[in-house]
Amino acid sequence: MDWLYQTSVISGPLPVFLTVLGALGGVWLLSGKARWFYRYAIPVCGFVALLIMVAAWILVEKVIVPFPDPIAMSIYVWIGMGVYALLLLGPRIKAGGSIRSAAASVVAALLVVLAAATQINLEFSAYPTIGIVLGHDDFDRIALRDVPGPTTPVVTGNPTDTVWKAPEGMTTHGRVATLPVPGTVSGFVARDAEVYLPPAYFTDPRPLLPVLVLMAGQPGSPQDWLQGGKLTATMDSFAHEHAGLAPIVVLADATGTQFANPLCTDSPAGNVATYLAKDLPAAVTAAFQVDTNPKAWAIGGLSYGGTCSLQMATNFPDVYPTFLDLSGQLEPSLGDRARTVDQIFGGNEAAFKKVNPMDILAGRKFPNSGGIVVVGSDDKDFKPGQQKVYDAAKAAGMDVKYLELPGGHSFVVWSAALQKELTWLSQRMGLIS
């Protein structure tokens, strides 16, 4: 079954095939022979689907604004297509007049919905393979209780690869463990973190490895980096090229739920900043044998997680002196400054500015901090802001890089950025020379 699980649904022939099937399904749904079907069903269902699509856009983008990032109009269009197919299903069954025709109509509607889902997935690249769609892990898991305990001695060096030699028989793949991270200090209730442990971690003696904290977007979950982000493949490839060495990667929850948006700060919405600055490092260092030097710690994320990484790097530079901002916003936001200040900061503009990275960068210098600012070349909503973030970070004395990669606001950019800049991050964290 491996070949099936590894079949891509974001490249190659399968997404094209599914889209063609969806088009054929649409043709069938529109081909009822009854006059009333053409005269009334098709236009009425189309009008209702359009109303639903527009209402959804207004509700999400203008009224509720549950996400900090705007959703591309093409997503709403594809949702509208799927709704149109479902609305047409009943009239098409009635117009067909037979069980065989009804069955074909059901299949046709499902094909249209599947094609719409395929196109939406292509926008984000969140589910790259059939295996991921079906919930099948394409990496090795290990229970937390089975992770080997501390070794004595440990291998240390500056950088580590100058004193490290991989032992014979070392595993060639990293493993992923689930780590509960209680909000002991912050009181923040987070979902469990996922932790990638590279091959070198399973040796005795083991090297002291750096830690990279990665966060998902909003909506999102820690598992996003394992699924759409292809994290284990990227890290295993890096480890293979560096004698089993790679950073330990902690996939942390910075929202609490799939759709929550606490803006990565301490507020009535949740003390996320304290959670990431205190509770998370404490849980990681208690569970795993890692390099505790702050220079060996970095934080990064995509979209909301990218914004959050810059917030942590500017508000807690002694904890996270290195950051990876992948398609983050210019500032933490619930949609606009007024709404953000009112709902999260109780109307206190000064409180917002105190934690806002751009305001902090304008008033302080960060000679010991560094990071990478990344955006997709087609990401018109975020590119101007990322350019301003880079300029502000550079002016504040940070060792920063600006990277623009082909693609939009999706894992096509974020996965490629991590893969491309993992060497720079590992050098900065003291792992490799």
Protein backbone atom coordinates (compact mmCIF):
# COMPACT_ATOMS: atom_id res chain seq x y z
CA MET A 1 0.00 0.00 0.00
CA ASP A 2 3.01 2.31 0.26
CA TRP A 3 2.74 3.35 -3.37
CA LEU A 4 -0.86 4.44 -2.79
CA TYR A 5 -0.09 6.32 0.42
CA GLN A 6 2.77 8.16 -1.29
CA THR A 7 0.74 9.18 -4.35
CA SER A 8 0.69 12.97 -4.60
CA VAL A 9 -2.59 14.88 -4.68
CA ILE A 10 -0.92 18.26 -5.28
CA SER A 11 1.23 17.37 -8.29
CA GLY A 12 1.36 14.87 -11.12
CA PRO A 13 -1.66 13.40 -12.91
CA LEU A 14 -4.01 12.73 -9.97
CA PRO A 15 -5.23 16.31 -9.26
CA VAL A 16 -5.74 16.82 -13.01
CA PHE A 17 -7.65 13.54 -13.25
CA LEU A 18 -9.86 14.43 -10.26
CA THR A 19 -10.59 17.86 -11.71
CA VAL A 20 -11.58 16.35 -15.06
CA LEU A 21 -13.87 13.89 -13.29
CA GLY A 22 -15.42 16.81 -11.42
CA ALA A 23 -16.02 18.65 -14.69
CA LEU A 24 -17.69 15.58 -16.15
CA GLY A 25 -19.80 15.28 -13.02
CA GLY A 26 -20.86 18.90 -13.46
CA VAL A 27 -21.86 18.26 -17.06
CA TRP A 28 -24.04 15.35 -15.94
CA LEU A 29 -25.72 17.41 -13.22
CA LEU A 30 -26.56 20.13 -15.75
CA SER A 31 -27.91 17.72 -18.38
CA GLY A 32 -31.42 16.96 -17.13
CA LYS A 33 -33.85 16.80 -20.07
CA ALA A 34 -36.98 18.13 -18.36
CA ARG A 35 -37.89 21.67 -19.41
CA TRP A 36 -38.53 22.78 -15.79
CA PHE A 37 -35.03 21.61 -14.88
CA TYR A 38 -33.41 23.97 -17.41
CA ARG A 39 -35.85 26.80 -16.83
CA TYR A 40 -35.99 26.77 -13.03
CA ALA A 41 -33.66 24.31 -11.28
CA ILE A 42 -30.38 25.31 -12.90
CA PRO A 43 -30.72 29.11 -12.47
CA VAL A 44 -32.37 28.97 -9.02
CA CYS A 45 -29.78 26.57 -7.61
CA GLY A 46 -27.03 28.66 -9.15
CA PHE A 47 -28.43 31.84 -7.61
CA VAL A 48 -28.75 30.22 -4.17
CA ALA A 49 -25.19 28.87 -4.39
CA LEU A 50 -23.96 32.36 -5.31
CA LEU A 51 -25.84 33.86 -2.36
CA ILE A 52 -24.32 31.29 0.00
CA MET A 53 -20.82 31.97 -1.35
CA VAL A 54 -21.17 35.76 -1.02
CA ALA A 55 -22.72 35.45 2.45
CA ALA A 56 -19.85 33.22 3.55
CA TRP A 57 -17.32 35.74 2.24
CA ILE A 58 -18.99 38.65 4.03
CA LEU A 59 -19.36 36.68 7.26
CA VAL A 60 -15.76 35.43 7.33
CA GLU A 61 -13.94 38.44 5.89
CA LYS A 62 -16.00 41.35 7.19
CA VAL A 63 -18.09 40.32 10.19
CA ILE A 64 -16.57 37.53 12.28
CA VAL A 65 -13.00 37.75 10.88
CA PRO A 66 -11.92 34.50 12.59
CA PHE A 67 -8.59 34.35 10.77
CA PRO A 68 -5.81 36.94 10.72
CA ASP A 69 -5.11 36.18 7.06
CA PRO A 70 -7.54 36.88 4.20
CA ILE A 71 -8.80 33.80 2.39
CA ALA A 72 -8.29 33.84 -1.37
CA MET A 73 -11.47 34.47 -3.37
CA SER A 74 -10.78 31.30 -5.37
CA ILE A 75 -11.47 29.29 -2.21
CA TYR A 76 -14.95 30.77 -1.93
CA VAL A 77 -15.55 30.11 -5.63
CA TRP A 78 -14.68 26.44 -5.27
CA ILE A 79 -16.84 26.17 -2.17
CA GLY A 80 -19.65 27.73 -4.21
CA MET A 81 -19.14 25.12 -6.93
CA GLY A 82 -19.44 22.31 -4.41
CA VAL A 83 -22.59 23.84 -2.91
CA TYR A 84 -24.08 24.27 -6.39
CA ALA A 85 -23.54 20.59 -7.12
CA LEU A 86 -25.22 19.54 -3.89
CA LEU A 87 -28.16 21.89 -4.50
CA LEU A 88 -28.62 20.48 -8.01
CA LEU A 89 -28.56 16.89 -6.81
CA GLY A 90 -32.22 16.70 -5.73
CA PRO A 91 -33.71 18.30 -8.87
CA ARG A 92 -31.39 16.22 -11.09
CA ILE A 93 -32.55 12.99 -9.44
CA LYS A 94 -36.17 14.00 -9.99
CA ALA A 95 -35.47 14.97 -13.60
CA GLY A 96 -33.70 11.67 -14.30
CA GLY A 97 -36.66 9.53 -13.37
CA SER A 98 -34.80 6.26 -12.76
CA ILE A 99 -32.72 4.58 -10.07
CA ARG A 100 -29.75 4.32 -12.42
CA SER A 101 -29.91 8.02 -13.21
CA ALA A 102 -30.25 8.87 -9.51
CA ALA A 103 -27.16 6.82 -8.66
CA ALA A 104 -25.20 8.53 -11.43
CA SER A 105 -26.31 11.93 -10.12
CA VAL A 106 -25.10 11.12 -6.61
CA VAL A 107 -21.72 10.04 -7.98
CA ALA A 108 -21.54 13.16 -10.16
CA ALA A 109 -22.24 15.47 -7.21
CA LEU A 110 -19.59 13.73 -5.13
CA LEU A 111 -17.08 14.09 -7.98
CA VAL A 112 -17.73 17.83 -8.17
CA VAL A 113 -17.25 18.19 -4.41
CA LEU A 114 -14.07 16.10 -4.61
CA ALA A 115 -12.74 18.26 -7.44
CA ALA A 116 -13.50 21.41 -5.43
CA ALA A 117 -11.70 19.96 -2.40
CA THR A 118 -8.74 19.08 -4.61
CA GLN A 119 -8.50 22.64 -5.90
CA ILE A 120 -8.74 24.08 -2.39
CA ASN A 121 -5.99 21.72 -1.25
CA LEU A 122 -3.82 22.88 -4.15
CA GLU A 123 -4.13 26.42 -2.79
CA PHE A 124 -2.60 25.47 0.57
CA SER A 125 -0.78 22.16 -0.16
CA ALA A 126 -1.89 21.06 3.31
CA TYR A 127 -2.49 17.41 2.33
CA PRO A 128 0.24 16.44 -0.14
CA THR A 129 -0.38 12.69 -0.43
CA ILE A 130 -3.21 10.17 -0.28
CA GLY A 131 -1.65 8.78 2.88
CA ILE A 132 -1.88 12.14 4.62
CA VAL A 133 -5.49 12.58 3.43
CA LEU A 134 -6.33 9.19 4.97
CA GLY A 135 -4.51 10.01 8.21
CA HIS A 136 -1.60 7.63 7.60
CA ASP A 137 1.72 8.76 9.12
CA ASP A 138 4.66 8.58 6.73
CA PHE A 139 7.19 8.72 9.57
CA ASP A 140 8.19 6.67 12.61
CA ARG A 141 6.51 7.44 15.92
CA ILE A 142 7.86 6.62 19.35
CA ALA A 143 6.00 6.78 22.65
CA LEU A 144 7.40 9.36 25.04
CA ARG A 145 8.01 6.66 27.64
CA ASP A 146 10.17 4.75 25.14
CA VAL A 147 12.49 7.68 24.32
CA PRO A 148 15.95 6.82 25.69
CA GLY A 149 16.90 8.74 28.81
CA PRO A 150 19.97 10.96 29.33
CA THR A 151 23.40 9.63 28.44
CA THR A 152 26.62 10.23 30.34
CA PRO A 153 28.82 11.62 28.96
CA VAL A 154 27.45 13.76 26.13
CA VAL A 155 29.24 14.97 23.03
CA THR A 156 29.69 18.74 22.96
CA GLY A 157 31.63 21.03 20.68
CA ASN A 158 31.53 24.40 19.00
CA PRO A 159 30.22 23.56 16.52
CA THR A 160 29.03 20.08 17.36
CA ASP A 161 29.94 18.47 14.04
CA THR A 162 33.65 19.15 14.64
CA VAL A 163 33.72 16.62 17.49
CA TRP A 164 30.96 14.25 16.40
CA LYS A 165 31.31 10.94 14.63
CA ALA A 166 28.27 8.83 13.92
CA PRO A 167 28.51 5.37 15.53
CA GLU A 168 28.03 2.22 13.53
CA GLY A 169 24.49 0.95 13.41
CA MET A 170 22.90 4.36 14.04
CA THR A 171 19.33 4.57 12.76
CA THR A 172 18.87 6.44 9.50
CA HIS A 173 15.53 8.06 10.35
CA GLY A 174 14.34 10.33 13.11
CA ARG A 175 11.27 9.63 15.21
CA VAL A 176 8.35 11.71 16.41
CA ALA A 177 7.12 11.75 20.00
CA THR A 178 4.05 13.46 21.43
CA LEU A 179 4.79 15.77 24.35
CA PRO A 180 2.13 17.22 26.68
CA VAL A 181 3.14 20.77 27.64
CA PRO A 182 1.18 22.01 30.65
CA GLY A 183 0.73 25.74 31.17
CA THR A 184 2.27 25.59 34.63
CA VAL A 185 3.25 29.26 34.73
CA SER A 186 1.01 30.75 32.06
CA GLY A 187 -2.20 28.87 32.71
CA PHE A 188 -2.57 28.50 28.93
CA VAL A 189 -4.26 25.28 27.85
CA ALA A 190 -2.49 24.00 24.73
CA ARG A 191 -2.75 20.92 22.61
CA ASP A 192 0.10 18.43 22.84
CA ALA A 193 3.30 19.28 21.02
CA GLU A 194 4.92 16.94 18.49
CA VAL A 195 8.69 16.53 18.76
CA TYR A 196 11.03 15.35 16.01
CA LEU A 197 14.13 13.59 17.37
CA PRO A 198 16.92 13.10 14.78
CA PRO A 199 18.95 9.90 14.40
CA ALA A 200 21.85 11.22 16.52
CA TYR A 201 19.53 11.53 19.51
CA PHE A 202 19.26 7.73 19.67
CA THR A 203 22.97 7.17 20.24
CA ASP A 204 25.02 6.66 23.40
CA PRO A 205 26.76 8.95 24.07
CA ARG A 206 24.57 11.43 22.26
CA PRO A 207 25.41 14.95 21.14
CA LEU A 208 23.73 17.92 22.82
CA LEU A 209 21.40 19.12 20.09
CA PRO A 210 19.82 22.54 19.52
CA VAL A 211 16.06 23.09 19.55
CA LEU A 212 13.90 24.61 16.83
CA VAL A 213 10.35 25.47 17.86
CA LEU A 214 7.91 25.60 14.93
CA MET A 215 4.30 26.79 14.94
CA ALA A 216 1.44 26.40 12.50
CA GLY A 217 -0.90 29.02 11.11
CA GLN A 218 -4.46 29.86 12.15
CA PRO A 219 -6.52 27.80 11.69
CA GLY A 220 -4.00 25.08 12.31
CA SER A 221 -2.49 22.47 14.61
CA PRO A 222 0.98 21.14 15.50
CA GLN A 223 0.40 18.26 13.09
CA ASP A 224 0.31 20.62 10.10
CA TRP A 225 4.09 20.64 9.84
CA LEU A 226 4.14 16.83 9.81
CA GLN A 227 1.46 16.65 7.12
CA GLY A 228 1.61 19.50 4.63
CA GLY A 229 5.05 20.58 5.82
CA LYS A 230 6.79 17.23 5.17
CA LEU A 231 8.94 18.03 8.20
CA THR A 232 10.33 14.57 8.85
CA ALA A 233 11.49 14.16 5.26
CA THR A 234 13.27 17.52 5.39
CA MET A 235 14.93 16.80 8.73
CA ASP A 236 15.89 13.22 7.83
CA SER A 237 17.49 14.46 4.62
CA PHE A 238 19.50 17.06 6.53
CA ALA A 239 20.53 14.48 9.14
CA HIS A 240 21.63 12.08 6.40
CA GLU A 241 24.00 14.76 5.07
CA HIS A 242 25.38 15.58 8.53
CA ALA A 243 26.14 12.20 10.14
CA GLY A 244 22.75 11.99 11.85
CA LEU A 245 22.87 15.51 13.27
CA ALA A 246 19.86 17.80 13.04
CA PRO A 247 18.03 20.13 15.39
CA ILE A 248 15.36 18.70 17.64
CA VAL A 249 12.13 20.22 16.31
CA VAL A 250 9.27 21.00 18.67
CA LEU A 251 5.95 21.56 16.90
CA ALA A 252 4.20 23.74 19.44
CA ASP A 253 0.59 24.86 19.81
CA ALA A 254 0.36 28.66 19.91
CA THR A 255 -3.43 28.99 19.60
CA GLY A 256 -4.99 26.43 21.93
CA THR A 257 -7.62 25.27 19.44
CA GLN A 258 -7.92 24.94 15.68
CA PHE A 259 -9.68 28.27 15.20
CA ALA A 260 -8.67 30.37 18.22
CA ASN A 261 -6.63 33.53 17.63
CA PRO A 262 -5.01 34.72 20.89
CA LEU A 263 -2.43 36.74 18.92
CA CYS A 264 0.59 35.12 20.61
CA THR A 265 0.56 37.55 23.52
CA ASP A 266 -0.57 37.58 27.15
CA SER A 267 -4.18 38.71 27.29
CA PRO A 268 -7.64 37.59 28.39
CA ALA A 269 -7.57 35.36 25.28
CA GLY A 270 -4.70 33.35 26.81
CA ASN A 271 -1.16 33.87 28.07
CA VAL A 272 0.48 32.49 24.96
CA ALA A 273 3.68 34.54 25.22
CA THR A 274 4.45 33.28 28.72
CA TYR A 275 3.56 29.75 27.63
CA LEU A 276 6.08 29.83 24.78
CA ALA A 277 8.75 31.67 26.76
CA LYS A 278 8.57 29.66 29.99
CA ASP A 279 6.31 26.61 29.98
CA LEU A 280 7.43 25.18 26.64
CA PRO A 281 11.22 25.37 27.25
CA ALA A 282 10.71 23.91 30.72
CA ALA A 283 8.72 20.96 29.39
CA VAL A 284 11.18 20.27 26.56
CA THR A 285 14.28 20.39 28.77
CA ALA A 286 12.57 18.16 31.35
CA ALA A 287 11.58 15.52 28.79
CA PHE A 288 14.65 15.50 26.53
CA GLN A 289 18.41 15.92 26.79
CA VAL A 290 18.99 19.10 24.79
CA ASP A 291 21.38 22.03 24.62
CA THR A 292 19.97 24.55 27.11
CA ASN A 293 22.13 27.45 25.94
CA PRO A 294 19.71 30.10 24.55
CA LYS A 295 21.98 30.48 21.53
CA ALA A 296 20.96 26.93 20.61
CA TRP A 297 17.25 27.77 20.54
CA ALA A 298 15.26 29.18 17.63
CA ILE A 299 11.59 29.76 16.99
CA GLY A 300 9.70 29.90 13.72
CA GLY A 301 6.35 29.43 12.09
CA LEU A 302 4.12 29.98 9.12
CA SER A 303 1.55 32.77 8.72
CA TYR A 304 0.17 33.28 12.27
CA GLY A 305 3.14 31.23 13.48
CA GLY A 306 5.51 33.50 11.55
CA THR A 307 4.02 36.58 13.18
CA CYS A 308 4.28 34.82 16.53
CA SER A 309 7.94 33.94 15.99
CA LEU A 310 8.81 37.60 15.44
CA GLN A 311 6.81 38.54 18.53
CA MET A 312 8.77 36.06 20.62
CA ALA A 313 12.11 37.11 19.13
CA THR A 314 11.48 40.79 19.93
CA ASN A 315 9.75 40.37 23.30
CA PHE A 316 11.94 37.51 24.57
CA PRO A 317 15.29 37.80 22.75
CA ASP A 318 17.13 36.08 25.62
CA VAL A 319 14.95 32.98 25.16
CA TYR A 320 14.75 32.95 21.35
CA PRO A 321 17.61 34.90 19.77
CA THR A 322 16.92 33.31 16.38
CA PHE A 323 13.65 33.32 14.44
CA LEU A 324 12.15 32.08 11.18
CA ASP A 325 9.25 34.26 10.01
CA LEU A 326 7.46 32.47 7.17
CA SER A 327 4.80 34.69 5.57
CA GLY A 328 3.93 36.43 8.81
CA GLN A 329 1.90 39.61 9.15
CA LEU A 330 3.28 43.10 9.58
CA GLU A 331 1.77 43.11 13.07
CA PRO A 332 -0.45 40.79 15.17
CA SER A 333 -4.00 41.40 14.04
CA LEU A 334 -7.61 40.30 14.29
CA GLY A 335 -8.26 41.91 10.93
CA ASP A 336 -7.49 45.56 11.66
CA ARG A 337 -5.71 47.62 14.31
CA ALA A 338 -8.88 49.00 15.95
CA ARG A 339 -10.47 45.56 16.40
CA THR A 340 -7.20 44.12 17.71
CA VAL A 341 -6.60 46.85 20.27
CA ASP A 342 -10.19 46.79 21.43
CA GLN A 343 -10.67 43.02 21.79
CA ILE A 344 -7.23 41.88 22.95
CA PHE A 345 -5.80 44.95 24.68
CA GLY A 346 -8.97 46.45 26.12
CA GLY A 347 -8.69 49.55 23.96
CA ASN A 348 -5.19 50.34 25.29
CA GLU A 349 -3.10 51.38 22.26
CA ALA A 350 0.01 51.74 24.41
CA ALA A 351 -0.30 48.14 25.59
CA PHE A 352 -0.45 46.98 21.97
CA LYS A 353 2.60 49.01 20.97
CA LYS A 354 4.54 47.64 23.94
CA VAL A 355 4.44 44.12 22.48
CA ASN A 356 4.13 44.91 18.76
CA PRO A 357 7.36 43.82 17.00
CA MET A 358 7.51 46.79 14.62
CA ASP A 359 7.26 49.26 17.49
CA ILE A 360 9.84 47.34 19.50
CA LEU A 361 12.25 47.18 16.56
CA ALA A 362 11.91 50.95 16.08
CA GLY A 363 12.99 51.63 19.66
CA ARG A 364 15.58 48.95 20.49
CA LYS A 365 18.70 47.33 19.10
CA PHE A 366 19.15 43.57 18.84
CA PRO A 367 22.84 42.93 18.07
CA ASN A 368 22.66 39.31 19.31
CA SER A 369 19.51 38.33 17.42
CA GLY A 370 19.05 37.04 13.91
CA GLY A 371 16.47 35.53 11.66
CA ILE A 372 15.06 34.84 8.25
CA VAL A 373 12.07 36.63 6.74
CA VAL A 374 10.37 34.59 4.02
CA VAL A 375 7.48 35.23 1.64
CA GLY A 376 6.12 33.75 -1.59
CA SER A 377 6.65 35.77 -4.75
CA ASP A 378 2.91 35.47 -5.52
CA ASP A 379 1.81 36.31 -1.97
CA LYS A 380 0.66 39.86 -2.67
CA ASP A 381 -1.15 40.20 0.67
CA PHE A 382 1.96 39.50 2.74
CA LYS A 383 4.93 40.52 0.61
CA PRO A 384 4.82 44.28 1.39
CA GLY A 385 4.63 43.59 5.12
CA GLN A 386 7.48 41.07 5.08
CA GLN A 387 9.72 43.54 3.26
CA LYS A 388 9.01 46.12 5.97
CA VAL A 389 9.70 43.56 8.71
CA TYR A 390 13.06 42.73 7.14
CA ASP A 391 14.03 46.41 6.85
CA ALA A 392 13.02 47.10 10.46
CA ALA A 393 14.88 44.05 11.79
CA LYS A 394 18.00 44.99 9.85
CA ALA A 395 17.82 48.60 11.10
CA ALA A 396 17.55 47.24 14.66
CA GLY A 397 20.90 45.48 14.27
CA MET A 398 19.65 41.94 13.72
CA ASP A 399 21.53 39.49 11.53
CA VAL A 400 18.66 38.94 9.11
CA LYS A 401 18.07 37.47 5.67
CA TYR A 402 15.19 38.11 3.29
CA LEU A 403 14.05 35.21 1.12
CA GLU A 404 11.45 35.28 -1.61
CA LEU A 405 10.47 31.92 -3.09
CA PRO A 406 8.16 30.92 -5.94
CA GLY A 407 4.60 30.35 -4.77
CA GLY A 408 1.87 31.92 -2.70
CA HIS A 409 0.68 31.56 0.89
CA SER A 410 1.17 27.81 1.18
CA PHE A 411 3.45 24.96 2.20
CA VAL A 412 5.00 25.11 -1.27
CA VAL A 413 6.87 28.16 0.06
CA TRP A 414 7.14 27.25 3.74
CA SER A 415 8.53 23.74 3.27
CA ALA A 416 11.02 24.95 0.67
CA ALA A 417 12.12 27.78 2.97
CA LEU A 418 12.84 25.45 5.88
CA GLN A 419 14.74 23.08 3.64
CA LYS A 420 16.75 25.92 2.10
CA GLU A 421 17.61 27.72 5.32
CA LEU A 422 18.13 24.77 7.67
CA THR A 423 21.88 24.98 7.13
CA TRP A 424 21.96 28.66 8.14
CA LEU A 425 19.84 27.96 11.21
CA SER A 426 22.00 25.01 12.25
CA GLN A 427 25.17 27.05 11.86
CA ARG A 428 23.74 29.87 13.94
CA MET A 429 22.63 27.42 16.66
CA GLY A 430 26.11 25.88 16.80
CA LEU A 431 25.31 22.48 15.34
CA ILE A 432 27.40 22.54 12.16
CA SER A 433 30.31 24.54 10.84
